[in-house]
Each structure stands twice: as C-alpha cells, then as structure tokens.
Amino acid sequence: WAVHHSTDDVHNPKGPSSGTDRVKKGGSYMCHKSYCYRYRCA
C-alpha cells in the first residue's frame, strides 16, 4: 500500500517494494455511498 503515485506512463507496475499493508480492491456487501464508497474501480 502507498498513497502517492507518479503520473508517468508505466508498464506492468507492481507497486512499492516494501510496506506494512497490502492493497485490497472492489469493496464488499457492506459498502454504501454514505460510508464506504469503495465499490468503484478506482
């Protein structure tokens, strides 16, 4: 996990080389726009 990203064109990025947390995507059955609007692709 990281929250700062370069605007450069990249090929097949694999994210930072180290960290403490891993990225999860897609949201869940618990997501609602009022609280966890994370069922968006981005």
PDB file of all heavy atoms in Angstrom:
ATOM      1  N   TRP A   1       0.822  -1.213   0.000  1.00  0.00           N
ATOM      2  CA  TRP A   1       0.000   0.000   0.000  1.00  0.00           C
ATOM      3  C   TRP A   1       0.858   1.267   0.000  1.00  0.00           C
ATOM      4  O   TRP A   1       1.823   1.373   0.761  1.00  0.00           O
ATOM      5  CB  TRP A   1      -0.878  -0.013   1.243  1.00  0.00           C
ATOM      6  CG  TRP A   1      -1.657   1.226   1.527  1.00  0.00           C
ATOM      7  CD1 TRP A   1      -1.326   2.218   2.411  1.00  0.00           C
ATOM      8  CD2 TRP A   1      -2.917   1.610   0.962  1.00  0.00           C
ATOM      9  NE1 TRP A   1      -2.306   3.193   2.427  1.00  0.00           N
ATOM     10  CE2 TRP A   1      -3.292   2.845   1.549  1.00  0.00           C
ATOM     11  CE3 TRP A   1      -3.765   1.032   0.013  1.00  0.00           C
ATOM     12  CZ2 TRP A   1      -4.482   3.496   1.222  1.00  0.00           C
ATOM     13  CZ3 TRP A   1      -4.942   1.683  -0.312  1.00  0.00           C
ATOM     14  CH2 TRP A   1      -5.298   2.895   0.292  1.00  0.00           C
ATOM     15  N   ALA A   2       0.499   2.207  -0.849  1.00  0.00           N
ATOM     16  CA  ALA A   2       1.066   3.558  -0.828  1.00  0.00           C
ATOM     17  C   ALA A   2       0.000   4.494  -1.366  1.00  0.00           C
ATOM     18  O   ALA A   2      -0.890   4.060  -2.114  1.00  0.00           O
ATOM     19  CB  ALA A   2       2.329   3.644  -1.673  1.00  0.00           C
ATOM     20  N   VAL A   3       0.072   5.777  -1.004  1.00  0.00           N
ATOM     21  CA  VAL A   3      -0.974   6.713  -1.438  1.00  0.00           C
ATOM     22  C   VAL A   3      -0.464   7.781  -2.398  1.00  0.00           C
ATOM     23  O   VAL A   3      -1.240   8.609  -2.863  1.00  0.00           O
ATOM     24  CB  VAL A   3      -1.668   7.388  -0.239  1.00  0.00           C
ATOM     25  CG1 VAL A   3      -2.434   6.355   0.572  1.00  0.00           C
ATOM     26  CG2 VAL A   3      -0.675   8.131   0.633  1.00  0.00           C
ATOM     27  N   HIS A   4       0.834   7.754  -2.706  1.00  0.00           N
ATOM     28  CA  HIS A   4       1.384   8.719  -3.653  1.00  0.00           C
ATOM     29  C   HIS A   4       1.836   7.988  -4.910  1.00  0.00           C
ATOM     30  O   HIS A   4       2.566   6.999  -4.830  1.00  0.00           O
ATOM     31  CB  HIS A   4       2.543   9.493  -3.021  1.00  0.00           C
ATOM     32  CG  HIS A   4       2.127  10.258  -1.796  1.00  0.00           C
ATOM     33  ND1 HIS A   4       1.304  11.367  -1.852  1.00  0.00           N
ATOM     34  CD2 HIS A   4       2.398  10.053  -0.486  1.00  0.00           C
ATOM     35  CE1 HIS A   4       1.088  11.817  -0.634  1.00  0.00           C
ATOM     36  NE2 HIS A   4       1.737  11.041   0.217  1.00  0.00           N
ATOM     37  N   HIS A   5       1.392   8.487  -6.062  1.00  0.00           N
ATOM     38  CA  HIS A   5       1.667   7.803  -7.323  1.00  0.00           C
ATOM     39  C   HIS A   5       2.208   8.799  -8.353  1.00  0.00           C
ATOM     40  O   HIS A   5       1.734   9.926  -8.434  1.00  0.00           O
ATOM     41  CB  HIS A   5       0.393   7.158  -7.878  1.00  0.00           C
ATOM     42  CG  HIS A   5      -0.427   6.436  -6.857  1.00  0.00           C
ATOM     43  ND1 HIS A   5      -0.041   5.241  -6.298  1.00  0.00           N
ATOM     44  CD2 HIS A   5      -1.611   6.764  -6.270  1.00  0.00           C
ATOM     45  CE1 HIS A   5      -0.957   4.858  -5.419  1.00  0.00           C
ATOM     46  NE2 HIS A   5      -1.915   5.774  -5.381  1.00  0.00           N
ATOM     47  N   SER A   6       3.169   8.353  -9.125  1.00  0.00           N
ATOM     48  CA  SER A   6       3.713   9.174 -10.209  1.00  0.00           C
ATOM     49  C   SER A   6       2.714   9.242 -11.361  1.00  0.00           C
ATOM     50  O   SER A   6       1.944   8.301 -11.594  1.00  0.00           O
ATOM     51  CB  SER A   6       5.023   8.555 -10.697  1.00  0.00           C
ATOM     52  OG  SER A   6       5.399   9.109 -11.937  1.00  0.00           O
ATOM     53  N   THR A   7       2.731  10.357 -12.092  1.00  0.00           N
ATOM     54  CA  THR A   7       1.865  10.479 -13.275  1.00  0.00           C
ATOM     55  C   THR A   7       2.550   9.945 -14.530  1.00  0.00           C
ATOM     56  O   THR A   7       1.975   9.978 -15.612  1.00  0.00           O
ATOM     57  CB  THR A   7       1.468  11.953 -13.508  1.00  0.00           C
ATOM     58  OG1 THR A   7       2.658  12.741 -13.571  1.00  0.00           O
ATOM     59  CG2 THR A   7       0.576  12.462 -12.393  1.00  0.00           C
ATOM     60  N   ASP A   8       3.782   9.453 -14.391  1.00  0.00           N
ATOM     61  CA  ASP A   8       4.499   8.918 -15.554  1.00  0.00           C
ATOM     62  C   ASP A   8       3.789   7.685 -16.116  1.00  0.00           C
ATOM     63  O   ASP A   8       3.194   6.902 -15.373  1.00  0.00           O
ATOM     64  CB  ASP A   8       5.934   8.511 -15.162  1.00  0.00           C
ATOM     65  CG  ASP A   8       6.768   9.698 -14.718  1.00  0.00           C
ATOM     66  OD1 ASP A   8       6.366  10.835 -15.010  1.00  0.00           O
ATOM     67  OD2 ASP A   8       7.809   9.473 -14.074  1.00  0.00           O
ATOM     68  N   ASP A   9       3.892   7.511 -17.434  1.00  0.00           N
ATOM     69  CA  ASP A   9       3.446   6.271 -18.057  1.00  0.00           C
ATOM     70  C   ASP A   9       4.254   5.113 -17.476  1.00  0.00           C
ATOM     71  O   ASP A   9       5.481   5.207 -17.374  1.00  0.00           O
ATOM     72  CB  ASP A   9       3.701   6.319 -19.569  1.00  0.00           C
ATOM     73  CG  ASP A   9       2.484   6.791 -20.345  1.00  0.00           C
ATOM     74  OD1 ASP A   9       1.777   7.675 -19.813  1.00  0.00           O
ATOM     75  OD2 ASP A   9       2.253   6.286 -21.454  1.00  0.00           O
ATOM     76  N   VAL A  10       3.585   4.039 -17.101  1.00  0.00           N
ATOM     77  CA  VAL A  10       4.311   2.875 -16.576  1.00  0.00           C
ATOM     78  C   VAL A  10       3.819   1.606 -17.248  1.00  0.00           C
ATOM     79  O   VAL A  10       2.699   1.547 -17.762  1.00  0.00           O
ATOM     80  CB  VAL A  10       4.168   2.753 -15.041  1.00  0.00           C
ATOM     81  CG1 VAL A  10       4.949   3.840 -14.326  1.00  0.00           C
ATOM     82  CG2 VAL A  10       2.711   2.777 -14.624  1.00  0.00           C
ATOM     83  N   HIS A  11       4.683   0.580 -17.230  1.00  0.00           N
ATOM     84  CA  HIS A  11       4.362  -0.716 -17.807  1.00  0.00           C
ATOM     85  C   HIS A  11       4.339  -1.777 -16.708  1.00  0.00           C
ATOM     86  O   HIS A  11       5.322  -1.945 -15.982  1.00  0.00           O
ATOM     87  CB  HIS A  11       5.393  -1.097 -18.871  1.00  0.00           C
ATOM     88  CG  HIS A  11       5.313  -0.255 -20.113  1.00  0.00           C
ATOM     89  ND1 HIS A  11       4.767  -0.703 -21.294  1.00  0.00           N
ATOM     90  CD2 HIS A  11       5.699   1.032 -20.337  1.00  0.00           C
ATOM     91  CE1 HIS A  11       4.831   0.265 -22.200  1.00  0.00           C
ATOM     92  NE2 HIS A  11       5.405   1.320 -21.650  1.00  0.00           N
ATOM     93  N   ASN A  12       3.213  -2.443 -16.556  1.00  0.00           N
ATOM     94  CA  ASN A  12       3.072  -3.560 -15.620  1.00  0.00           C
ATOM     95  C   ASN A  12       3.611  -3.245 -14.227  1.00  0.00           C
ATOM     96  O   ASN A  12       4.451  -3.970 -13.692  1.00  0.00           O
ATOM     97  CB  ASN A  12       3.775  -4.806 -16.182  1.00  0.00           C
ATOM     98  CG  ASN A  12       3.299  -5.123 -17.582  1.00  0.00           C
ATOM     99  OD1 ASN A  12       2.112  -5.333 -17.809  1.00  0.00           O
ATOM    100  ND2 ASN A  12       4.222  -5.121 -18.541  1.00  0.00           N
ATOM    101  N   PRO A  13       3.133  -2.162 -13.601  1.00  0.00           N
ATOM    102  CA  PRO A  13       3.649  -1.791 -12.277  1.00  0.00           C
ATOM    103  C   PRO A  13       3.278  -2.821 -11.217  1.00  0.00           C
ATOM    104  O   PRO A  13       2.220  -3.460 -11.297  1.00  0.00           O
ATOM    105  CB  PRO A  13       2.965  -0.452 -11.998  1.00  0.00           C
ATOM    106  CG  PRO A  13       1.693  -0.513 -12.783  1.00  0.00           C
ATOM    107  CD  PRO A  13       2.041  -1.266 -14.042  1.00  0.00           C
ATOM    108  N   LYS A  14       4.164  -2.974 -10.254  1.00  0.00           N
ATOM    109  CA  LYS A  14       3.943  -3.946  -9.182  1.00  0.00           C
ATOM    110  C   LYS A  14       3.836  -3.281  -7.818  1.00  0.00           C
ATOM    111  O   LYS A  14       3.834  -3.961  -6.795  1.00  0.00           O
ATOM    112  CB  LYS A  14       5.069  -4.987  -9.176  1.00  0.00           C
ATOM    113  CG  LYS A  14       5.043  -5.911 -10.394  1.00  0.00           C
ATOM    114  CD  LYS A  14       6.120  -6.967 -10.304  1.00  0.00           C
ATOM    115  CE  LYS A  14       5.875  -8.136 -11.260  1.00  0.00           C
ATOM    116  NZ  LYS A  14       5.703  -7.746 -12.643  1.00  0.00           N
ATOM    117  N   GLY A  15       3.734  -1.951  -7.806  1.00  0.00           N
ATOM    118  CA  GLY A  15       3.577  -1.260  -6.536  1.00  0.00           C
ATOM    119  C   GLY A  15       4.905  -1.065  -5.829  1.00  0.00           C
ATOM    120  O   GLY A  15       5.969  -1.402  -6.359  1.00  0.00           O
ATOM    121  N   PRO A  16       4.879  -0.516  -4.598  1.00  0.00           N
ATOM    122  CA  PRO A  16       6.114  -0.260  -3.849  1.00  0.00           C
ATOM    123  C   PRO A  16       6.868  -1.549  -3.544  1.00  0.00           C
ATOM    124  O   PRO A  16       6.279  -2.635  -3.533  1.00  0.00           O
ATOM    125  CB  PRO A  16       5.610   0.389  -2.549  1.00  0.00           C
ATOM    126  CG  PRO A  16       4.207   0.802  -2.823  1.00  0.00           C
ATOM    127  CD  PRO A  16       3.680  -0.121  -3.860  1.00  0.00           C
ATOM    128  N   SER A  17       8.155  -1.420  -3.273  1.00  0.00           N
ATOM    129  CA  SER A  17       8.980  -2.607  -2.994  1.00  0.00           C
ATOM    130  C   SER A  17       8.827  -3.096  -1.561  1.00  0.00           C
ATOM    131  O   SER A  17       9.247  -4.211  -1.226  1.00  0.00           O
ATOM    132  CB  SER A  17      10.451  -2.298  -3.290  1.00  0.00           C
ATOM    133  OG  SER A  17      10.862  -1.176  -2.530  1.00  0.00           O
ATOM    134  N   SER A  18       8.240  -2.273  -0.689  1.00  0.00           N
ATOM    135  CA  SER A  18       8.032  -2.695   0.698  1.00  0.00           C
ATOM    136  C   SER A  18       6.881  -1.892   1.292  1.00  0.00           C
ATOM    137  O   SER A  18       6.405  -0.923   0.691  1.00  0.00           O
ATOM    138  CB  SER A  18       9.303  -2.490   1.525  1.00  0.00           C
ATOM    139  OG  SER A  18       9.632  -1.116   1.565  1.00  0.00           O
ATOM    140  N   GLY A  19       6.445  -2.294   2.469  1.00  0.00           N
ATOM    141  CA  GLY A  19       5.349  -1.601   3.123  1.00  0.00           C
ATOM    142  C   GLY A  19       4.892  -2.357   4.345  1.00  0.00           C
ATOM    143  O   GLY A  19       5.521  -3.346   4.753  1.00  0.00           O
ATOM    144  N   THR A  20       3.800  -1.915   4.921  1.00  0.00           N
ATOM    145  CA  THR A  20       3.232  -2.608   6.084  1.00  0.00           C
ATOM    146  C   THR A  20       1.871  -3.225   5.773  1.00  0.00           C
ATOM    147  O   THR A  20       1.481  -4.214   6.385  1.00  0.00           O
ATOM    148  CB  THR A  20       3.063  -1.638   7.274  1.00  0.00           C
ATOM    149  OG1 THR A  20       2.282  -0.514   6.852  1.00  0.00           O
ATOM    150  CG2 THR A  20       4.419  -1.141   7.761  1.00  0.00           C
ATOM    151  N   ASP A  21       1.138  -2.637   4.811  1.00  0.00           N
ATOM    152  CA  ASP A  21      -0.186  -3.129   4.449  1.00  0.00           C
ATOM    153  C   ASP A  21      -0.216  -3.524   2.981  1.00  0.00           C
ATOM    154  O   ASP A  21       0.557  -3.019   2.173  1.00  0.00           O
ATOM    155  CB  ASP A  21      -1.247  -2.036   4.670  1.00  0.00           C
ATOM    156  CG  ASP A  21      -1.480  -1.711   6.132  1.00  0.00           C
ATOM    157  OD1 ASP A  21      -0.745  -2.248   6.985  1.00  0.00           O
ATOM    158  OD2 ASP A  21      -2.387  -0.915   6.421  1.00  0.00           O
ATOM    159  N   ARG A  22      -1.139  -4.412   2.650  1.00  0.00           N
ATOM    160  CA  ARG A  22      -1.362  -4.801   1.255  1.00  0.00           C
ATOM    161  C   ARG A  22      -2.664  -4.183   0.747  1.00  0.00           C
ATOM    162  O   ARG A  22      -3.596  -3.948   1.511  1.00  0.00           O
ATOM    163  CB  ARG A  22      -1.452  -6.323   1.132  1.00  0.00           C
ATOM    164  CG  ARG A  22      -0.162  -7.056   1.504  1.00  0.00           C
ATOM    165  CD  ARG A  22       0.920  -6.910   0.450  1.00  0.00           C
ATOM    166  NE  ARG A  22       2.099  -7.743   0.776  1.00  0.00           N
ATOM    167  CZ  ARG A  22       3.145  -7.894  -0.015  1.00  0.00           C
ATOM    168  NH1 ARG A  22       3.192  -7.272  -1.186  1.00  0.00           N
ATOM    169  NH2 ARG A  22       4.163  -8.638   0.349  1.00  0.00           N
ATOM    170  N   VAL A  23      -2.696  -3.942  -0.560  1.00  0.00           N
ATOM    171  CA  VAL A  23      -3.865  -3.309  -1.184  1.00  0.00           C
ATOM    172  C   VAL A  23      -4.989  -4.333  -1.368  1.00  0.00           C
ATOM    173  O   VAL A  23      -4.758  -5.450  -1.830  1.00  0.00           O
ATOM    174  CB  VAL A  23      -3.488  -2.721  -2.561  1.00  0.00           C
ATOM    175  CG1 VAL A  23      -4.728  -2.148  -3.255  1.00  0.00           C
ATOM    176  CG2 VAL A  23      -2.406  -1.654  -2.415  1.00  0.00           C
ATOM    177  N   LYS A  24      -6.208  -3.904  -1.018  1.00  0.00           N
ATOM    178  CA  LYS A  24      -7.397  -4.684  -1.363  1.00  0.00           C
ATOM    179  C   LYS A  24      -8.300  -3.798  -2.213  1.00  0.00           C
ATOM    180  O   LYS A  24      -8.280  -2.569  -2.091  1.00  0.00           O
ATOM    181  CB  LYS A  24      -8.122  -5.185  -0.112  1.00  0.00           C
ATOM    182  CG  LYS A  24      -8.650  -4.098   0.803  1.00  0.00           C
ATOM    183  CD  LYS A  24      -9.354  -4.674   2.030  1.00  0.00           C
ATOM    184  CE  LYS A  24      -9.944  -3.557   2.901  1.00  0.00           C
ATOM    185  NZ  LYS A  24     -10.661  -4.079   4.079  1.00  0.00           N
ATOM    186  N   LYS A  25      -9.057  -4.418  -3.096  1.00  0.00           N
ATOM    187  CA  LYS A  25      -9.867  -3.676  -4.069  1.00  0.00           C
ATOM    188  C   LYS A  25     -11.291  -4.230  -4.137  1.00  0.00           C
ATOM    189  O   LYS A  25     -11.542  -5.383  -3.786  1.00  0.00           O
ATOM    190  CB  LYS A  25      -9.236  -3.780  -5.462  1.00  0.00           C
ATOM    191  CG  LYS A  25      -7.836  -3.173  -5.593  1.00  0.00           C
ATOM    192  CD  LYS A  25      -7.850  -1.663  -5.789  1.00  0.00           C
ATOM    193  CE  LYS A  25      -8.239  -1.269  -7.188  1.00  0.00           C
ATOM    194  NZ  LYS A  25      -8.142   0.208  -7.411  1.00  0.00           N
ATOM    195  N   GLY A  26     -12.205  -3.383  -4.613  1.00  0.00           N
ATOM    196  CA  GLY A  26     -13.519  -3.854  -5.018  1.00  0.00           C
ATOM    197  C   GLY A  26     -14.666  -3.630  -4.054  1.00  0.00           C
ATOM    198  O   GLY A  26     -15.817  -3.731  -4.447  1.00  0.00           O
ATOM    199  N   GLY A  27     -14.367  -3.372  -2.785  1.00  0.00           N
ATOM    200  CA  GLY A  27     -15.456  -3.201  -1.834  1.00  0.00           C
ATOM    201  C   GLY A  27     -16.183  -4.504  -1.554  1.00  0.00           C
ATOM    202  O   GLY A  27     -15.799  -5.576  -2.025  1.00  0.00           O
ATOM    203  N   SER A  28     -17.267  -4.409  -0.781  1.00  0.00           N
ATOM    204  CA  SER A  28     -17.959  -5.623  -0.357  1.00  0.00           C
ATOM    205  C   SER A  28     -19.448  -5.378  -0.167  1.00  0.00           C
ATOM    206  O   SER A  28     -19.946  -4.271  -0.402  1.00  0.00           O
ATOM    207  CB  SER A  28     -17.373  -6.118   0.973  1.00  0.00           C
ATOM    208  OG  SER A  28     -17.889  -5.353   2.067  1.00  0.00           O
ATOM    209  N   TYR A  29     -20.144  -6.398   0.310  1.00  0.00           N
ATOM    210  CA  TYR A  29     -21.575  -6.298   0.583  1.00  0.00           C
ATOM    211  C   TYR A  29     -21.876  -5.273   1.675  1.00  0.00           C
ATOM    212  O   TYR A  29     -23.026  -4.907   1.877  1.00  0.00           O
ATOM    213  CB  TYR A  29     -22.145  -7.666   0.990  1.00  0.00           C
ATOM    214  CG  TYR A  29     -21.612  -8.214   2.306  1.00  0.00           C
ATOM    215  CD1 TYR A  29     -22.212  -7.864   3.515  1.00  0.00           C
ATOM    216  CD2 TYR A  29     -20.512  -9.078   2.341  1.00  0.00           C
ATOM    217  CE1 TYR A  29     -21.725  -8.353   4.725  1.00  0.00           C
ATOM    218  CE2 TYR A  29     -20.034  -9.561   3.537  1.00  0.00           C
ATOM    219  CZ  TYR A  29     -20.636  -9.199   4.723  1.00  0.00           C
ATOM    220  OH  TYR A  29     -20.150  -9.678   5.923  1.00  0.00           O
ATOM    221  N   MET A  30     -20.850  -4.805   2.377  1.00  0.00           N
ATOM    222  CA  MET A  30     -21.028  -3.803   3.426  1.00  0.00           C
ATOM    223  C   MET A  30     -20.848  -2.373   2.925  1.00  0.00           C
ATOM    224  O   MET A  30     -21.035  -1.422   3.691  1.00  0.00           O
ATOM    225  CB  MET A  30     -20.041  -4.053   4.567  1.00  0.00           C
ATOM    226  CG  MET A  30     -20.363  -5.280   5.398  1.00  0.00           C
ATOM    227  SD  MET A  30     -19.067  -5.606   6.611  1.00  0.00           S
ATOM    228  CE  MET A  30     -19.070  -4.061   7.531  1.00  0.00           C
ATOM    229  N   CYS A  31     -20.485  -2.182   1.673  1.00  0.00           N
ATOM    230  CA  CYS A  31     -20.183  -0.834   1.189  1.00  0.00           C
ATOM    231  C   CYS A  31     -21.443  -0.059   0.821  1.00  0.00           C
ATOM    232  O   CYS A  31     -22.339  -0.583   0.154  1.00  0.00           O
ATOM    233  CB  CYS A  31     -19.262  -0.905  -0.026  1.00  0.00           C
ATOM    234  SG  CYS A  31     -17.556  -1.279   0.404  1.00  0.00           S
ATOM    235  N   HIS A  32     -21.483   1.198   1.244  1.00  0.00           N
ATOM    236  CA  HIS A  32     -22.578   2.106   0.934  1.00  0.00           C
ATOM    237  C   HIS A  32     -21.974   3.478   0.636  1.00  0.00           C
ATOM    238  O   HIS A  32     -20.956   3.846   1.230  1.00  0.00           O
ATOM    239  CB  HIS A  32     -23.545   2.190   2.118  1.00  0.00           C
ATOM    240  CG  HIS A  32     -24.785   2.984   1.825  1.00  0.00           C
ATOM    241  ND1 HIS A  32     -24.829   4.356   1.927  1.00  0.00           N
ATOM    242  CD2 HIS A  32     -26.020   2.586   1.431  1.00  0.00           C
ATOM    243  CE1 HIS A  32     -26.056   4.775   1.610  1.00  0.00           C
ATOM    244  NE2 HIS A  32     -26.794   3.735   1.301  1.00  0.00           N
ATOM    245  N   LYS A  33     -22.591   4.214  -0.250  1.00  0.00           N
ATOM    246  CA  LYS A  33     -22.032   5.506  -0.648  1.00  0.00           C
ATOM    247  C   LYS A  33     -21.840   6.441   0.538  1.00  0.00           C
ATOM    248  O   LYS A  33     -20.915   7.257   0.563  1.00  0.00           O
ATOM    249  CB  LYS A  33     -22.937   6.166  -1.695  1.00  0.00           C
ATOM    250  CG  LYS A  33     -22.303   7.389  -2.337  1.00  0.00           C
ATOM    251  CD  LYS A  33     -23.109   7.906  -3.521  1.00  0.00           C
ATOM    252  CE  LYS A  33     -22.381   9.066  -4.201  1.00  0.00           C
ATOM    253  NZ  LYS A  33     -23.111   9.548  -5.395  1.00  0.00           N
ATOM    254  N   SER A  34     -22.680   6.312   1.556  1.00  0.00           N
ATOM    255  CA  SER A  34     -22.612   7.207   2.711  1.00  0.00           C
ATOM    256  C   SER A  34     -21.411   6.934   3.605  1.00  0.00           C
ATOM    257  O   SER A  34     -20.997   7.793   4.372  1.00  0.00           O
ATOM    258  CB  SER A  34     -23.878   7.058   3.560  1.00  0.00           C
ATOM    259  OG  SER A  34     -23.913   5.767   4.157  1.00  0.00           O
ATOM    260  N   TYR A  35     -20.855   5.716   3.505  1.00  0.00           N
ATOM    261  CA  TYR A  35     -19.763   5.391   4.419  1.00  0.00           C
ATOM    262  C   TYR A  35     -18.525   4.864   3.697  1.00  0.00           C
ATOM    263  O   TYR A  35     -17.422   5.339   3.914  1.00  0.00           O
ATOM    264  CB  TYR A  35     -20.217   4.361   5.474  1.00  0.00           C
ATOM    265  CG  TYR A  35     -19.047   3.840   6.258  1.00  0.00           C
ATOM    266  CD1 TYR A  35     -18.379   4.679   7.143  1.00  0.00           C
ATOM    267  CD2 TYR A  35     -18.550   2.551   6.063  1.00  0.00           C
ATOM    268  CE1 TYR A  35     -17.263   4.238   7.822  1.00  0.00           C
ATOM    269  CE2 TYR A  35     -17.433   2.101   6.746  1.00  0.00           C
ATOM    270  CZ  TYR A  35     -16.799   2.952   7.621  1.00  0.00           C
ATOM    271  OH  TYR A  35     -15.690   2.517   8.281  1.00  0.00           O
ATOM    272  N   CYS A  36     -18.709   3.861   2.878  1.00  0.00           N
ATOM    273  CA  CYS A  36     -17.562   3.204   2.234  1.00  0.00           C
ATOM    274  C   CYS A  36     -17.825   3.118   0.741  1.00  0.00           C
ATOM    275  O   CYS A  36     -18.162   2.065   0.228  1.00  0.00           O
ATOM    276  CB  CYS A  36     -17.355   1.814   2.849  1.00  0.00           C
ATOM    277  SG  CYS A  36     -16.042   0.853   2.090  1.00  0.00           S
ATOM    278  N   TYR A  37     -17.671   4.264   0.058  1.00  0.00           N
ATOM    279  CA  TYR A  37     -17.978   4.328  -1.373  1.00  0.00           C
ATOM    280  C   TYR A  37     -16.804   3.747  -2.159  1.00  0.00           C
ATOM    281  O   TYR A  37     -16.155   4.415  -2.945  1.00  0.00           O
ATOM    282  CB  TYR A  37     -18.253   5.790  -1.736  1.00  0.00           C
ATOM    283  CG  TYR A  37     -18.784   6.049  -3.131  1.00  0.00           C
ATOM    284  CD1 TYR A  37     -19.545   5.107  -3.816  1.00  0.00           C
ATOM    285  CD2 TYR A  37     -18.525   7.261  -3.750  1.00  0.00           C
ATOM    286  CE1 TYR A  37     -20.032   5.363  -5.081  1.00  0.00           C
ATOM    287  CE2 TYR A  37     -19.012   7.530  -5.022  1.00  0.00           C
ATOM    288  CZ  TYR A  37     -19.763   6.577  -5.684  1.00  0.00           C
ATOM    289  OH  TYR A  37     -20.241   6.838  -6.946  1.00  0.00           O
ATOM    290  N   ARG A  38     -16.551   2.464  -1.909  1.00  0.00           N
ATOM    291  CA  ARG A  38     -15.353   1.840  -2.489  1.00  0.00           C
ATOM    292  C   ARG A  38     -15.673   0.685  -3.434  1.00  0.00           C
ATOM    293  O   ARG A  38     -14.827  -0.158  -3.681  1.00  0.00           O
ATOM    294  CB  ARG A  38     -14.415   1.375  -1.366  1.00  0.00           C
ATOM    295  CG  ARG A  38     -13.819   2.536  -0.560  1.00  0.00           C
ATOM    296  CD  ARG A  38     -12.737   2.045   0.386  1.00  0.00           C
ATOM    297  NE  ARG A  38     -12.115   3.136   1.119  1.00  0.00           N
ATOM    298  CZ  ARG A  38     -12.490   3.545   2.335  1.00  0.00           C
ATOM    299  NH1 ARG A  38     -13.509   2.951   2.944  1.00  0.00           N
ATOM    300  NH2 ARG A  38     -11.852   4.526   2.944  1.00  0.00           N
ATOM    301  N   TYR A  39     -16.892   0.690  -3.968  1.00  0.00           N
ATOM    302  CA  TYR A  39     -17.213  -0.295  -4.998  1.00  0.00           C
ATOM    303  C   TYR A  39     -17.026   0.317  -6.385  1.00  0.00           C
ATOM    304  O   TYR A  39     -17.614  -0.108  -7.356  1.00  0.00           O
ATOM    305  CB  TYR A  39     -18.637  -0.846  -4.824  1.00  0.00           C
ATOM    306  CG  TYR A  39     -19.682   0.203  -4.502  1.00  0.00           C
ATOM    307  CD1 TYR A  39     -20.359   0.863  -5.516  1.00  0.00           C
ATOM    308  CD2 TYR A  39     -19.979   0.535  -3.185  1.00  0.00           C
ATOM    309  CE1 TYR A  39     -21.297   1.834  -5.231  1.00  0.00           C
ATOM    310  CE2 TYR A  39     -20.927   1.500  -2.887  1.00  0.00           C
ATOM    311  CZ  TYR A  39     -21.587   2.153  -3.914  1.00  0.00           C
ATOM    312  OH  TYR A  39     -22.517   3.116  -3.628  1.00  0.00           O
ATOM    313  N   ARG A  40     -16.167   1.345  -6.466  1.00  0.00           N
ATOM    314  CA  ARG A  40     -15.756   1.942  -7.731  1.00  0.00           C
ATOM    315  C   ARG A  40     -14.428   1.314  -8.168  1.00  0.00           C
ATOM    316  O   ARG A  40     -13.616   0.918  -7.336  1.00  0.00           O
ATOM    317  CB  ARG A  40     -15.560   3.455  -7.561  1.00  0.00           C
ATOM    318  CG  ARG A  40     -16.821   4.223  -7.219  1.00  0.00           C
ATOM    319  CD  ARG A  40     -16.524   5.642  -6.746  1.00  0.00           C
ATOM    320  NE  ARG A  40     -15.829   5.630  -5.458  1.00  0.00           N
ATOM    321  CZ  ARG A  40     -14.559   6.002  -5.277  1.00  0.00           C
ATOM    322  NH1 ARG A  40     -13.831   6.434  -6.298  1.00  0.00           N
ATOM    323  NH2 ARG A  40     -14.021   5.960  -4.083  1.00  0.00           N
ATOM    324  N   CYS A  41     -14.190   1.296  -9.474  1.00  0.00           N
ATOM    325  CA  CYS A  41     -12.961   0.677  -9.992  1.00  0.00           C
ATOM    326  C   CYS A  41     -11.701   1.331  -9.420  1.00  0.00           C
ATOM    327  O   CYS A  41     -10.709   0.646  -9.134  1.00  0.00           O
ATOM    328  CB  CYS A  41     -12.926   0.752 -11.511  1.00  0.00           C
ATOM    329  SG  CYS A  41     -14.317  -0.048 -12.335  1.00  0.00           S
ATOM    330  N   ALA A  42     -11.716   2.660  -9.257  1.00  0.00           N
ATOM    331  CA  ALA A  42     -10.521   3.368  -8.796  1.00  0.00           C
ATOM    332  C   ALA A  42     -10.341   3.302  -7.287  1.00  0.00           C
ATOM    333  O   ALA A  42      -9.267   3.634  -6.769  1.00  0.00           O
ATOM    334  CB  ALA A  42     -10.579   4.837  -9.236  1.00  0.00           C
TER     335      ALA A  42
END
